[in-house]
Amino acid sequence: MTKRAKRRVVERVQTGVRMEKRMLLVLKALAGALDITFGDLLEGIVLHAFDGKPPFGPETLGAVAALRQVYHLDLDASDSHLLVEGRRKR
C-alpha cells in the first residue's frame, strides 16, 4: 500500500476561528460543491500550503471564481495582512 492510499488517524479539536464573512461563505459553499466537510477543506488547503503546492486545480479554481462573484468576495492575496476588524452594526 502506498503512502497516499494509507489512511492516517489524527486527533481533531474544535476551534473558534474568526474569519471574514464572505470568505467563510465561499469556503463553505466550495466544501459543499466538493462534497467534503468544511474542516476537510481547510485541512487540505493548509497541508498543500505547508508543502508549497497549490490546493486547487483549474476546475476547482473556476468554481471558486464563480462563488466569489456570488458572495461578492473582492479580497485577494494582496489583502491578506491588511484586513482589520470593522465595527459591528447593532
N, C-alpha and C. Protein backbone atom coordinates (compact mmCIF):
# COMPACT_ATOMS: atom_id res chain seq x y z
N MET A 1 0.85 -1.19 0.00
CA MET A 1 0.00 0.00 0.00
C MET A 1 0.89 1.25 0.00
N THR A 2 0.60 2.19 -0.88
CA THR A 2 1.40 3.41 -0.96
C THR A 2 1.00 4.38 0.15
N LYS A 3 1.86 5.35 0.39
CA LYS A 3 1.58 6.34 1.42
C LYS A 3 0.28 7.09 1.13
N ARG A 4 0.03 7.38 -0.13
CA ARG A 4 -1.19 8.12 -0.50
C ARG A 4 -2.46 7.34 -0.14
N ALA A 5 -2.44 6.05 -0.30
CA ALA A 5 -3.63 5.24 -0.08
C ALA A 5 -3.84 4.89 1.39
N LYS A 6 -2.82 5.05 2.21
CA LYS A 6 -2.91 4.66 3.61
C LYS A 6 -3.63 5.74 4.43
N ARG A 7 -4.67 5.34 5.13
CA ARG A 7 -5.41 6.27 5.98
C ARG A 7 -4.56 6.65 7.18
N ARG A 8 -4.68 7.89 7.64
CA ARG A 8 -3.92 8.38 8.78
C ARG A 8 -4.90 8.73 9.89
N VAL A 9 -4.67 8.22 11.06
CA VAL A 9 -5.51 8.53 12.22
C VAL A 9 -4.97 9.81 12.85
N VAL A 10 -5.86 10.77 13.06
CA VAL A 10 -5.48 12.06 13.65
C VAL A 10 -6.44 12.39 14.79
N GLU A 11 -6.04 13.33 15.62
CA GLU A 11 -6.92 13.85 16.66
C GLU A 11 -7.39 15.22 16.21
N ARG A 12 -8.68 15.39 16.09
CA ARG A 12 -9.24 16.68 15.69
C ARG A 12 -9.80 17.39 16.91
N VAL A 13 -9.70 18.72 16.91
CA VAL A 13 -10.22 19.53 18.01
C VAL A 13 -11.13 20.61 17.45
N GLN A 14 -12.08 21.01 18.25
CA GLN A 14 -12.98 22.10 17.87
C GLN A 14 -12.24 23.42 18.04
N THR A 15 -12.45 24.35 17.11
CA THR A 15 -11.78 25.65 17.19
C THR A 15 -12.80 26.76 16.96
N GLY A 16 -12.51 27.90 17.49
CA GLY A 16 -13.39 29.05 17.33
C GLY A 16 -12.71 30.15 16.53
N VAL A 17 -12.30 29.84 15.33
CA VAL A 17 -11.56 30.79 14.49
C VAL A 17 -12.51 31.84 13.92
N ARG A 18 -12.10 33.11 13.98
CA ARG A 18 -12.86 34.19 13.35
C ARG A 18 -12.31 34.40 11.95
N MET A 19 -13.22 34.64 10.99
CA MET A 19 -12.82 34.77 9.60
C MET A 19 -13.75 35.77 8.90
N GLU A 20 -13.24 36.40 7.88
CA GLU A 20 -14.05 37.35 7.10
C GLU A 20 -15.29 36.62 6.58
N LYS A 21 -16.43 37.26 6.74
CA LYS A 21 -17.73 36.62 6.48
C LYS A 21 -17.87 36.09 5.06
N ARG A 22 -17.54 36.89 4.06
CA ARG A 22 -17.73 36.45 2.67
C ARG A 22 -16.78 35.31 2.31
N MET A 23 -15.57 35.36 2.87
CA MET A 23 -14.60 34.29 2.66
C MET A 23 -15.14 32.98 3.23
N LEU A 24 -15.71 33.06 4.41
CA LEU A 24 -16.31 31.88 5.04
C LEU A 24 -17.44 31.32 4.19
N LEU A 25 -18.28 32.18 3.65
CA LEU A 25 -19.38 31.73 2.80
C LEU A 25 -18.87 31.02 1.55
N VAL A 26 -17.83 31.57 0.93
CA VAL A 26 -17.25 30.94 -0.26
C VAL A 26 -16.67 29.58 0.10
N LEU A 27 -15.93 29.50 1.20
CA LEU A 27 -15.32 28.23 1.60
C LEU A 27 -16.37 27.17 1.93
N LYS A 28 -17.41 27.55 2.65
CA LYS A 28 -18.47 26.59 2.98
C LYS A 28 -19.19 26.10 1.73
N ALA A 29 -19.46 27.02 0.81
CA ALA A 29 -20.11 26.63 -0.44
C ALA A 29 -19.20 25.73 -1.28
N LEU A 30 -17.91 26.01 -1.28
CA LEU A 30 -16.97 25.18 -2.02
C LEU A 30 -16.91 23.78 -1.42
N ALA A 31 -16.86 23.69 -0.10
CA ALA A 31 -16.86 22.38 0.55
C ALA A 31 -18.10 21.59 0.14
N GLY A 32 -19.24 22.26 0.13
CA GLY A 32 -20.48 21.60 -0.29
C GLY A 32 -20.41 21.14 -1.74
N ALA A 33 -19.87 21.98 -2.61
CA ALA A 33 -19.75 21.62 -4.02
C ALA A 33 -18.81 20.44 -4.23
N LEU A 34 -17.80 20.34 -3.38
CA LEU A 34 -16.83 19.23 -3.48
C LEU A 34 -17.27 18.00 -2.69
N ASP A 35 -18.40 18.13 -1.98
CA ASP A 35 -18.96 17.05 -1.16
C ASP A 35 -17.97 16.59 -0.08
N ILE A 36 -17.35 17.57 0.59
CA ILE A 36 -16.47 17.30 1.72
C ILE A 36 -16.86 18.24 2.85
N THR A 37 -16.38 17.96 4.04
CA THR A 37 -16.70 18.84 5.16
C THR A 37 -15.86 20.11 5.07
N PHE A 38 -16.31 21.14 5.74
CA PHE A 38 -15.58 22.39 5.81
C PHE A 38 -14.20 22.16 6.43
N GLY A 39 -14.16 21.37 7.49
CA GLY A 39 -12.89 21.06 8.14
C GLY A 39 -11.93 20.33 7.21
N ASP A 40 -12.44 19.36 6.45
CA ASP A 40 -11.60 18.63 5.49
C ASP A 40 -11.04 19.58 4.43
N LEU A 41 -11.85 20.53 3.98
CA LEU A 41 -11.39 21.51 3.00
C LEU A 41 -10.25 22.34 3.58
N LEU A 42 -10.43 22.86 4.79
CA LEU A 42 -9.39 23.68 5.42
C LEU A 42 -8.11 22.88 5.64
N GLU A 43 -8.25 21.64 6.11
CA GLU A 43 -7.06 20.80 6.32
C GLU A 43 -6.31 20.60 5.00
N GLY A 44 -7.04 20.35 3.93
CA GLY A 44 -6.40 20.16 2.63
C GLY A 44 -5.68 21.41 2.15
N ILE A 45 -6.31 22.57 2.32
CA ILE A 45 -5.69 23.83 1.91
C ILE A 45 -4.40 24.05 2.70
N VAL A 46 -4.45 23.84 4.01
CA VAL A 46 -3.28 24.08 4.86
C VAL A 46 -2.16 23.09 4.52
N LEU A 47 -2.47 21.81 4.36
CA LEU A 47 -1.43 20.83 4.04
C LEU A 47 -0.76 21.15 2.70
N HIS A 48 -1.55 21.57 1.72
CA HIS A 48 -0.96 21.98 0.44
C HIS A 48 -0.07 23.20 0.62
N ALA A 49 -0.54 24.19 1.38
CA ALA A 49 0.25 25.41 1.62
C ALA A 49 1.56 25.07 2.33
N PHE A 50 1.51 24.19 3.32
CA PHE A 50 2.73 23.80 4.05
C PHE A 50 3.75 23.16 3.12
N ASP A 51 3.27 22.46 2.09
CA ASP A 51 4.17 21.82 1.11
C ASP A 51 4.52 22.74 -0.05
N GLY A 52 4.00 23.97 -0.04
CA GLY A 52 4.27 24.91 -1.13
C GLY A 52 3.59 24.54 -2.42
N LYS A 53 2.45 23.85 -2.32
CA LYS A 53 1.71 23.40 -3.51
C LYS A 53 0.36 24.10 -3.58
N PRO A 54 -0.13 24.36 -4.78
CA PRO A 54 -1.47 24.96 -4.90
C PRO A 54 -2.53 23.95 -4.48
N PRO A 55 -3.51 24.38 -3.70
CA PRO A 55 -4.53 23.44 -3.23
C PRO A 55 -5.59 23.08 -4.26
N PHE A 56 -5.73 23.88 -5.31
CA PHE A 56 -6.82 23.67 -6.26
C PHE A 56 -6.31 23.59 -7.69
N GLY A 57 -6.96 22.73 -8.47
CA GLY A 57 -6.69 22.65 -9.89
C GLY A 57 -7.58 23.63 -10.65
N PRO A 58 -7.44 23.65 -11.97
CA PRO A 58 -8.20 24.61 -12.79
C PRO A 58 -9.72 24.52 -12.61
N GLU A 59 -10.25 23.32 -12.53
CA GLU A 59 -11.71 23.17 -12.41
C GLU A 59 -12.22 23.75 -11.08
N THR A 60 -11.52 23.45 -10.01
CA THR A 60 -11.93 23.96 -8.70
C THR A 60 -11.73 25.47 -8.62
N LEU A 61 -10.67 25.98 -9.23
CA LEU A 61 -10.47 27.43 -9.27
C LEU A 61 -11.61 28.13 -10.01
N GLY A 62 -12.15 27.47 -11.03
CA GLY A 62 -13.31 28.02 -11.72
C GLY A 62 -14.51 28.11 -10.80
N ALA A 63 -14.71 27.07 -9.99
CA ALA A 63 -15.81 27.07 -9.02
C ALA A 63 -15.59 28.17 -7.98
N VAL A 64 -14.35 28.34 -7.53
CA VAL A 64 -14.03 29.40 -6.57
C VAL A 64 -14.35 30.76 -7.17
N ALA A 65 -13.96 30.99 -8.41
CA ALA A 65 -14.22 32.28 -9.07
C ALA A 65 -15.72 32.56 -9.13
N ALA A 66 -16.50 31.55 -9.46
CA ALA A 66 -17.96 31.73 -9.53
C ALA A 66 -18.53 32.03 -8.15
N LEU A 67 -18.07 31.32 -7.13
CA LEU A 67 -18.56 31.55 -5.77
C LEU A 67 -18.14 32.92 -5.24
N ARG A 68 -16.95 33.36 -5.61
CA ARG A 68 -16.50 34.70 -5.20
C ARG A 68 -17.45 35.76 -5.75
N GLN A 69 -17.93 35.58 -6.97
CA GLN A 69 -18.88 36.53 -7.55
C GLN A 69 -20.21 36.47 -6.81
N VAL A 70 -20.69 35.27 -6.54
CA VAL A 70 -21.97 35.10 -5.85
C VAL A 70 -21.96 35.81 -4.50
N TYR A 71 -20.86 35.66 -3.76
CA TYR A 71 -20.77 36.22 -2.41
C TYR A 71 -20.02 37.56 -2.35
N HIS A 72 -19.77 38.15 -3.52
CA HIS A 72 -19.15 39.49 -3.61
C HIS A 72 -17.82 39.56 -2.86
N LEU A 73 -17.02 38.50 -2.96
CA LEU A 73 -15.71 38.48 -2.30
C LEU A 73 -14.68 39.09 -3.22
N ASP A 74 -14.31 40.33 -2.91
CA ASP A 74 -13.37 41.07 -3.74
C ASP A 74 -11.96 41.12 -3.15
N LEU A 75 -11.72 40.37 -2.10
CA LEU A 75 -10.39 40.32 -1.48
C LEU A 75 -9.50 39.34 -2.24
N ASP A 76 -8.18 39.61 -2.23
CA ASP A 76 -7.24 38.66 -2.82
C ASP A 76 -6.02 38.55 -1.93
N ALA A 77 -5.01 37.81 -2.36
CA ALA A 77 -3.84 37.55 -1.53
C ALA A 77 -3.13 38.84 -1.10
N SER A 78 -3.20 39.86 -1.92
CA SER A 78 -2.53 41.12 -1.55
C SER A 78 -3.20 41.79 -0.34
N ASP A 79 -4.41 41.38 -0.01
CA ASP A 79 -5.12 41.93 1.14
C ASP A 79 -4.84 41.16 2.43
N SER A 80 -4.12 40.06 2.36
CA SER A 80 -4.04 39.12 3.48
C SER A 80 -3.52 39.70 4.79
N HIS A 81 -2.63 40.64 4.77
CA HIS A 81 -2.11 41.20 6.01
C HIS A 81 -2.62 42.62 6.27
N LEU A 82 -3.66 43.00 5.53
CA LEU A 82 -4.21 44.36 5.64
C LEU A 82 -5.62 44.39 6.21
N LEU A 83 -6.18 43.25 6.53
CA LEU A 83 -7.56 43.19 7.00
C LEU A 83 -7.65 43.64 8.46
N VAL A 84 -8.61 44.49 8.74
CA VAL A 84 -8.87 44.95 10.10
C VAL A 84 -10.34 44.73 10.40
N GLU A 85 -10.62 44.53 11.68
CA GLU A 85 -11.99 44.28 12.12
C GLU A 85 -12.81 45.56 12.03
N GLY A 86 -13.98 45.48 11.39
CA GLY A 86 -14.88 46.62 11.32
C GLY A 86 -15.79 46.63 12.52
N ARG A 87 -16.45 47.72 12.70
CA ARG A 87 -17.43 47.81 13.79
C ARG A 87 -18.66 47.03 13.42
N ARG A 88 -19.19 46.32 14.39
CA ARG A 88 -20.42 45.56 14.17
C ARG A 88 -21.61 46.50 14.22
N LYS A 89 -22.57 46.24 13.35
CA LYS A 89 -23.81 47.01 13.36
C LYS A 89 -24.70 46.48 14.48
N ARG A 90 -25.33 47.39 15.20
CA ARG A 90 -26.21 46.98 16.30
C ARG A 90 -27.64 47.07 15.91
